[in-house]
Amino acid sequence: LDLGDDFQFWASADVSQSAQWLERLYMNEIARHGVDNVALLSPYRQKTETGVNALNARLREVINPPAAGKAETPDGMKKFRVGDKVMQIRNHEDVSNGDLGYIRQIQYDDGDCIVRVDFGDGRVKEYNAGAGDLDM
């Protein structure tokens, strides 16, 4: 590997310490470049505190913390909150797998939970919570 200004290697044998470092580094980068211009990738989805699911939950509590009046809804093992950045994980109409958007509204209607996501460029989609089309 070539180490340069845009690549660093941090050795760590402690997963908890690694998760703390990743959080700090990510927050520094979004402070410099904005949340829409930084991506954090992990090779694991679930295995450790440095897996995608754990890191997403951890970072979300810092970037988009709960607040009075900010709606949330459970979706299986996940929870979605107004203001969350989400990814479409299945092709659907004019929204493609991998498209990123923000949850703008969560509302309950006759027992159903509707999640409204703004993907930009005028693309606003509504989802039934629990449909499994979105991921954080």
N, C-alpha and C. Protein backbone atom coordinates (compact mmCIF):
# COMPACT_ATOMS: atom_id res chain seq x y z
N LEU A 1 0.83 -1.19 0.00
CA LEU A 1 0.00 0.00 0.00
C LEU A 1 0.86 1.24 0.00
N ASP A 2 0.46 2.23 -0.76
CA ASP A 2 1.13 3.52 -0.74
C ASP A 2 0.43 4.40 0.27
N LEU A 3 1.19 4.89 1.24
CA LEU A 3 0.63 5.82 2.21
C LEU A 3 0.84 7.22 1.68
N GLY A 4 -0.21 8.02 1.72
CA GLY A 4 -0.12 9.39 1.24
C GLY A 4 -1.02 10.27 2.07
N ASP A 5 -1.23 11.49 1.58
CA ASP A 5 -2.06 12.44 2.31
C ASP A 5 -3.50 11.97 2.45
N ASP A 6 -3.96 11.14 1.52
CA ASP A 6 -5.36 10.70 1.56
C ASP A 6 -5.52 9.28 2.07
N PHE A 7 -4.46 8.69 2.62
CA PHE A 7 -4.54 7.33 3.16
C PHE A 7 -3.65 7.21 4.38
N GLN A 8 -4.20 6.65 5.42
CA GLN A 8 -3.45 6.40 6.64
C GLN A 8 -3.78 5.01 7.14
N PHE A 9 -2.81 4.38 7.79
CA PHE A 9 -3.04 3.08 8.41
C PHE A 9 -2.91 3.24 9.91
N TRP A 10 -3.93 2.82 10.64
CA TRP A 10 -3.93 2.89 12.10
C TRP A 10 -4.03 1.47 12.62
N ALA A 11 -3.01 0.97 13.26
CA ALA A 11 -3.02 -0.38 13.82
C ALA A 11 -3.71 -0.35 15.18
N SER A 12 -4.60 -1.32 15.39
CA SER A 12 -5.31 -1.41 16.67
C SER A 12 -5.70 -2.85 16.92
N ALA A 13 -5.42 -3.32 18.12
CA ALA A 13 -5.83 -4.67 18.51
C ALA A 13 -7.08 -4.63 19.38
N ASP A 14 -7.59 -3.44 19.69
CA ASP A 14 -8.75 -3.27 20.57
C ASP A 14 -9.92 -2.72 19.75
N VAL A 15 -10.97 -3.52 19.60
CA VAL A 15 -12.10 -3.14 18.75
C VAL A 15 -12.82 -1.90 19.30
N SER A 16 -12.97 -1.81 20.62
CA SER A 16 -13.63 -0.63 21.20
C SER A 16 -12.83 0.63 20.92
N GLN A 17 -11.52 0.54 21.06
CA GLN A 17 -10.66 1.69 20.77
C GLN A 17 -10.76 2.04 19.28
N SER A 18 -10.80 1.04 18.43
CA SER A 18 -10.93 1.27 16.99
C SER A 18 -12.22 2.02 16.68
N ALA A 19 -13.32 1.61 17.31
CA ALA A 19 -14.61 2.28 17.08
C ALA A 19 -14.54 3.73 17.52
N GLN A 20 -13.87 4.00 18.64
CA GLN A 20 -13.72 5.39 19.10
C GLN A 20 -12.89 6.20 18.11
N TRP A 21 -11.81 5.61 17.62
CA TRP A 21 -10.98 6.31 16.63
C TRP A 21 -11.76 6.59 15.36
N LEU A 22 -12.52 5.60 14.88
CA LEU A 22 -13.31 5.79 13.67
C LEU A 22 -14.32 6.91 13.84
N GLU A 23 -14.97 6.94 14.99
CA GLU A 23 -15.93 8.01 15.26
C GLU A 23 -15.23 9.37 15.21
N ARG A 24 -14.11 9.49 15.89
CA ARG A 24 -13.39 10.76 15.93
C ARG A 24 -12.92 11.17 14.53
N LEU A 25 -12.33 10.24 13.79
CA LEU A 25 -11.85 10.55 12.45
C LEU A 25 -12.99 10.95 11.52
N TYR A 26 -14.10 10.22 11.60
CA TYR A 26 -15.26 10.53 10.77
C TYR A 26 -15.80 11.92 11.08
N MET A 27 -15.95 12.22 12.37
CA MET A 27 -16.48 13.52 12.75
C MET A 27 -15.54 14.65 12.30
N ASN A 28 -14.23 14.43 12.38
CA ASN A 28 -13.27 15.42 11.89
C ASN A 28 -13.44 15.65 10.40
N GLU A 29 -13.62 14.57 9.65
CA GLU A 29 -13.76 14.69 8.19
C GLU A 29 -15.06 15.37 7.80
N ILE A 30 -16.17 15.07 8.48
CA ILE A 30 -17.42 15.74 8.11
C ILE A 30 -17.39 17.21 8.54
N ALA A 31 -16.64 17.52 9.58
CA ALA A 31 -16.47 18.93 9.96
C ALA A 31 -15.72 19.69 8.86
N ARG A 32 -14.79 19.02 8.21
CA ARG A 32 -13.99 19.64 7.15
C ARG A 32 -14.71 19.66 5.80
N HIS A 33 -15.45 18.58 5.48
CA HIS A 33 -15.97 18.41 4.12
C HIS A 33 -17.49 18.33 4.03
N GLY A 34 -18.18 18.19 5.16
CA GLY A 34 -19.64 18.06 5.16
C GLY A 34 -20.07 16.61 5.10
N VAL A 35 -21.19 16.32 5.73
CA VAL A 35 -21.66 14.94 5.85
C VAL A 35 -21.98 14.30 4.49
N ASP A 36 -22.33 15.10 3.51
CA ASP A 36 -22.65 14.55 2.19
C ASP A 36 -21.41 14.22 1.36
N ASN A 37 -20.24 14.59 1.85
CA ASN A 37 -19.01 14.38 1.09
C ASN A 37 -18.04 13.40 1.75
N VAL A 38 -18.48 12.69 2.76
CA VAL A 38 -17.63 11.74 3.47
C VAL A 38 -18.37 10.42 3.61
N ALA A 39 -17.65 9.32 3.34
CA ALA A 39 -18.22 7.98 3.52
C ALA A 39 -17.26 7.17 4.39
N LEU A 40 -17.82 6.39 5.28
CA LEU A 40 -17.04 5.50 6.13
C LEU A 40 -17.43 4.08 5.73
N LEU A 41 -16.45 3.30 5.32
CA LEU A 41 -16.70 1.94 4.86
C LEU A 41 -16.13 0.95 5.86
N SER A 42 -16.84 -0.14 6.07
CA SER A 42 -16.38 -1.21 6.94
C SER A 42 -16.58 -2.54 6.22
N PRO A 43 -15.63 -3.48 6.36
CA PRO A 43 -15.78 -4.76 5.67
C PRO A 43 -16.80 -5.69 6.32
N TYR A 44 -17.26 -5.36 7.52
CA TYR A 44 -18.21 -6.22 8.22
C TYR A 44 -19.53 -5.51 8.43
N ARG A 45 -20.61 -6.26 8.39
CA ARG A 45 -21.92 -5.69 8.67
C ARG A 45 -22.23 -5.76 10.16
N GLN A 46 -21.99 -6.93 10.79
CA GLN A 46 -22.46 -7.12 12.15
C GLN A 46 -21.42 -7.58 13.15
N LYS A 47 -20.30 -8.06 12.76
CA LYS A 47 -19.43 -8.82 13.64
C LYS A 47 -18.92 -8.08 14.87
N THR A 48 -18.62 -6.80 14.79
CA THR A 48 -17.97 -6.11 15.90
C THR A 48 -18.50 -4.68 16.03
N GLU A 49 -17.94 -3.96 16.98
CA GLU A 49 -18.27 -2.55 17.16
C GLU A 49 -17.83 -1.71 15.97
N THR A 50 -16.97 -2.27 15.13
CA THR A 50 -16.53 -1.55 13.93
C THR A 50 -17.26 -2.03 12.68
N GLY A 51 -18.31 -2.82 12.86
CA GLY A 51 -19.14 -3.24 11.74
C GLY A 51 -20.10 -2.13 11.34
N VAL A 52 -20.66 -2.24 10.17
CA VAL A 52 -21.55 -1.22 9.61
C VAL A 52 -22.70 -0.90 10.54
N ASN A 53 -23.41 -1.91 11.03
CA ASN A 53 -24.58 -1.65 11.86
C ASN A 53 -24.22 -0.90 13.14
N ALA A 54 -23.17 -1.33 13.83
CA ALA A 54 -22.77 -0.68 15.07
C ALA A 54 -22.26 0.74 14.82
N LEU A 55 -21.45 0.91 13.77
CA LEU A 55 -20.94 2.25 13.47
C LEU A 55 -22.05 3.20 13.06
N ASN A 56 -22.99 2.72 12.24
CA ASN A 56 -24.11 3.58 11.85
C ASN A 56 -24.90 4.06 13.05
N ALA A 57 -25.21 3.14 13.97
CA ALA A 57 -25.97 3.51 15.17
C ALA A 57 -25.17 4.49 16.02
N ARG A 58 -23.90 4.23 16.19
CA ARG A 58 -23.04 5.09 17.02
C ARG A 58 -22.93 6.50 16.43
N LEU A 59 -22.65 6.58 15.15
CA LEU A 59 -22.47 7.88 14.51
C LEU A 59 -23.78 8.66 14.42
N ARG A 60 -24.86 7.97 14.24
CA ARG A 60 -26.15 8.62 14.15
C ARG A 60 -26.51 9.33 15.45
N GLU A 61 -26.14 8.75 16.59
CA GLU A 61 -26.44 9.38 17.88
C GLU A 61 -25.67 10.69 18.05
N VAL A 62 -24.56 10.85 17.34
CA VAL A 62 -23.78 12.08 17.40
C VAL A 62 -24.27 13.07 16.34
N ILE A 63 -24.51 12.59 15.14
CA ILE A 63 -24.86 13.45 14.01
C ILE A 63 -26.33 13.87 14.05
N ASN A 64 -27.22 12.94 14.43
CA ASN A 64 -28.66 13.21 14.44
C ASN A 64 -29.26 12.66 15.73
N PRO A 65 -28.94 13.28 16.86
CA PRO A 65 -29.42 12.75 18.14
C PRO A 65 -30.93 12.90 18.30
N PRO A 66 -31.51 12.09 19.18
CA PRO A 66 -32.95 12.24 19.44
C PRO A 66 -33.24 13.61 20.05
N ALA A 67 -34.44 14.09 19.82
CA ALA A 67 -34.86 15.38 20.38
C ALA A 67 -36.37 15.36 20.54
N ALA A 68 -36.85 16.16 21.45
CA ALA A 68 -38.30 16.29 21.64
C ALA A 68 -38.93 16.74 20.33
N GLY A 69 -39.97 16.05 19.92
CA GLY A 69 -40.66 16.41 18.69
C GLY A 69 -40.06 15.85 17.43
N LYS A 70 -38.91 15.15 17.54
CA LYS A 70 -38.29 14.53 16.36
C LYS A 70 -38.78 13.10 16.28
N ALA A 71 -39.62 12.80 15.29
CA ALA A 71 -40.27 11.50 15.18
C ALA A 71 -39.26 10.38 14.90
N GLU A 72 -39.55 9.20 15.45
CA GLU A 72 -38.76 7.98 15.21
C GLU A 72 -39.73 6.83 14.99
N THR A 73 -39.23 5.79 14.34
CA THR A 73 -40.01 4.58 14.18
C THR A 73 -39.08 3.38 14.13
N PRO A 74 -39.45 2.30 14.83
CA PRO A 74 -38.64 1.08 14.71
C PRO A 74 -38.89 0.41 13.37
N ASP A 75 -37.87 -0.26 12.87
CA ASP A 75 -37.97 -1.02 11.62
C ASP A 75 -37.13 -2.28 11.80
N GLY A 76 -37.72 -3.31 12.36
CA GLY A 76 -36.98 -4.51 12.68
C GLY A 76 -35.98 -4.20 13.78
N MET A 77 -34.71 -4.50 13.54
CA MET A 77 -33.66 -4.24 14.52
C MET A 77 -33.16 -2.80 14.44
N LYS A 78 -33.61 -2.05 13.45
CA LYS A 78 -33.17 -0.67 13.26
C LYS A 78 -34.22 0.30 13.76
N LYS A 79 -33.83 1.55 13.84
CA LYS A 79 -34.75 2.62 14.18
C LYS A 79 -34.45 3.76 13.23
N PHE A 80 -35.48 4.34 12.64
CA PHE A 80 -35.31 5.48 11.77
C PHE A 80 -35.81 6.73 12.47
N ARG A 81 -35.15 7.86 12.19
CA ARG A 81 -35.47 9.12 12.84
C ARG A 81 -35.48 10.22 11.78
N VAL A 82 -36.37 11.18 11.94
CA VAL A 82 -36.38 12.34 11.04
C VAL A 82 -34.99 12.96 11.07
N GLY A 83 -34.45 13.23 9.89
CA GLY A 83 -33.11 13.79 9.75
C GLY A 83 -32.05 12.77 9.43
N ASP A 84 -32.37 11.46 9.56
CA ASP A 84 -31.39 10.42 9.25
C ASP A 84 -31.05 10.42 7.77
N LYS A 85 -29.76 10.19 7.49
CA LYS A 85 -29.31 9.95 6.12
C LYS A 85 -29.49 8.45 5.88
N VAL A 86 -30.18 8.10 4.79
CA VAL A 86 -30.49 6.70 4.49
C VAL A 86 -30.09 6.35 3.07
N MET A 87 -29.98 5.05 2.82
CA MET A 87 -29.63 4.55 1.49
C MET A 87 -30.74 3.62 1.00
N GLN A 88 -31.13 3.82 -0.24
CA GLN A 88 -32.06 2.90 -0.90
C GLN A 88 -31.31 1.60 -1.16
N ILE A 89 -31.89 0.46 -0.78
CA ILE A 89 -31.18 -0.80 -0.97
C ILE A 89 -31.84 -1.73 -1.98
N ARG A 90 -32.85 -1.24 -2.67
CA ARG A 90 -33.47 -1.98 -3.78
C ARG A 90 -33.89 -0.98 -4.84
N ASN A 91 -33.76 -1.34 -6.10
CA ASN A 91 -34.28 -0.49 -7.18
C ASN A 91 -35.79 -0.40 -7.04
N HIS A 92 -36.31 0.83 -7.17
CA HIS A 92 -37.75 1.04 -7.04
C HIS A 92 -38.12 2.32 -7.78
N GLU A 93 -38.89 2.17 -8.84
CA GLU A 93 -39.32 3.30 -9.65
C GLU A 93 -38.11 4.16 -10.04
N ASP A 94 -38.10 5.43 -9.68
CA ASP A 94 -36.99 6.30 -10.08
C ASP A 94 -35.93 6.46 -8.99
N VAL A 95 -35.94 5.56 -8.00
CA VAL A 95 -34.91 5.56 -6.96
C VAL A 95 -34.15 4.24 -7.09
N SER A 96 -32.82 4.35 -7.20
CA SER A 96 -31.99 3.17 -7.45
C SER A 96 -31.26 2.71 -6.21
N ASN A 97 -30.92 1.43 -6.20
CA ASN A 97 -30.10 0.86 -5.15
C ASN A 97 -28.84 1.72 -5.00
N GLY A 98 -28.57 2.18 -3.78
CA GLY A 98 -27.40 3.01 -3.52
C GLY A 98 -27.69 4.50 -3.44
N ASP A 99 -28.87 4.94 -3.88
CA ASP A 99 -29.21 6.36 -3.78
C ASP A 99 -29.31 6.76 -2.31
N LEU A 100 -28.81 7.96 -2.00
CA LEU A 100 -28.84 8.48 -0.64
C LEU A 100 -29.88 9.57 -0.51
N GLY A 101 -30.54 9.59 0.64
CA GLY A 101 -31.54 10.62 0.91
C GLY A 101 -31.64 10.87 2.39
N TYR A 102 -32.55 11.77 2.75
CA TYR A 102 -32.77 12.13 4.15
C TYR A 102 -34.23 11.93 4.51
N ILE A 103 -34.47 11.35 5.67
CA ILE A 103 -35.84 11.21 6.16
C ILE A 103 -36.33 12.59 6.55
N ARG A 104 -37.41 13.02 5.92
CA ARG A 104 -37.97 14.35 6.18
C ARG A 104 -39.21 14.29 7.05
N GLN A 105 -39.91 13.14 7.03
CA GLN A 105 -41.14 13.06 7.83
C GLN A 105 -41.44 11.60 8.16
N ILE A 106 -41.94 11.39 9.36
CA ILE A 106 -42.46 10.09 9.79
C ILE A 106 -43.84 10.37 10.37
N GLN A 107 -44.85 9.72 9.80
CA GLN A 107 -46.20 9.97 10.30
C GLN A 107 -46.98 8.65 10.34
N TYR A 108 -47.90 8.60 11.27
CA TYR A 108 -48.76 7.43 11.42
C TYR A 108 -50.12 7.74 10.83
N ASP A 109 -50.62 6.80 10.02
CA ASP A 109 -51.90 6.98 9.35
C ASP A 109 -52.67 5.67 9.42
N ASP A 110 -53.74 5.63 10.19
CA ASP A 110 -54.56 4.43 10.35
C ASP A 110 -53.73 3.21 10.74
N GLY A 111 -52.79 3.39 11.66
CA GLY A 111 -51.97 2.29 12.15
C GLY A 111 -50.74 2.00 11.31
N ASP A 112 -50.66 2.56 10.10
CA ASP A 112 -49.47 2.39 9.27
C ASP A 112 -48.50 3.53 9.54
N CYS A 113 -47.23 3.22 9.45
CA CYS A 113 -46.20 4.23 9.62
C CYS A 113 -45.62 4.55 8.25
N ILE A 114 -45.72 5.80 7.85
CA ILE A 114 -45.22 6.25 6.56
C ILE A 114 -43.95 7.06 6.79
N VAL A 115 -42.88 6.69 6.09
CA VAL A 115 -41.61 7.38 6.16
C VAL A 115 -41.39 8.09 4.82
N ARG A 116 -41.22 9.41 4.87
CA ARG A 116 -41.02 10.20 3.66
C ARG A 116 -39.54 10.55 3.54
N VAL A 117 -38.93 10.17 2.40
CA VAL A 117 -37.51 10.37 2.18
C VAL A 117 -37.31 11.28 0.97
N ASP A 118 -36.45 12.29 1.16
CA ASP A 118 -36.10 13.23 0.09
C ASP A 118 -34.75 12.81 -0.47
N PHE A 119 -34.72 12.36 -1.74
CA PHE A 119 -33.50 11.94 -2.41
C PHE A 119 -32.87 13.07 -3.22
N GLY A 120 -33.43 14.25 -3.15
CA GLY A 120 -32.91 15.38 -3.93
C GLY A 120 -33.45 15.36 -5.34
N ASP A 121 -33.19 16.39 -6.09
CA ASP A 121 -33.65 16.50 -7.48
C ASP A 121 -35.15 16.30 -7.62
N GLY A 122 -35.90 16.67 -6.59
CA GLY A 122 -37.35 16.54 -6.63
C GLY A 122 -37.87 15.14 -6.35
N ARG A 123 -36.99 14.20 -6.07
CA ARG A 123 -37.42 12.82 -5.81
C ARG A 123 -37.69 12.65 -4.32
N VAL A 124 -38.99 12.61 -3.98
CA VAL A 124 -39.43 12.37 -2.61
C VAL A 124 -40.30 11.11 -2.65
N LYS A 125 -39.93 10.12 -1.85
CA LYS A 125 -40.64 8.84 -1.85
C LYS A 125 -41.20 8.55 -0.48
N GLU A 126 -42.32 7.85 -0.46
CA GLU A 126 -42.93 7.41 0.79
C GLU A 126 -42.78 5.90 0.91
N TYR A 127 -42.50 5.44 2.11
CA TYR A 127 -42.30 4.02 2.40
C TYR A 127 -43.14 3.64 3.60
N ASN A 128 -43.61 2.42 3.60
CA ASN A 128 -44.20 1.86 4.81
C ASN A 128 -43.04 1.37 5.68
N ALA A 129 -42.98 1.81 6.93
CA ALA A 129 -41.93 1.34 7.82
C ALA A 129 -42.00 -0.17 7.87
N GLY A 130 -40.88 -0.80 7.84
CA GLY A 130 -40.81 -2.27 7.86
C GLY A 130 -40.76 -2.89 6.49
N ALA A 131 -40.83 -2.09 5.43
CA ALA A 131 -40.79 -2.65 4.07
C ALA A 131 -39.40 -3.16 3.70
N GLY A 132 -38.36 -2.66 4.38
CA GLY A 132 -37.01 -3.15 4.12
C GLY A 132 -36.33 -2.56 2.90
N ASP A 133 -36.80 -1.40 2.44
CA ASP A 133 -36.18 -0.79 1.26
C ASP A 133 -35.08 0.21 1.60
N LEU A 134 -34.96 0.58 2.88
CA LEU A 134 -33.99 1.58 3.29
C LEU A 134 -33.01 0.99 4.29
N ASP A 135 -31.81 1.58 4.32
CA ASP A 135 -30.80 1.21 5.32
C ASP A 135 -30.08 2.47 5.72
N MET A 136 -29.50 2.42 6.89
CA MET A 136 -28.72 3.57 7.37
C MET A 136 -27.27 3.36 7.06
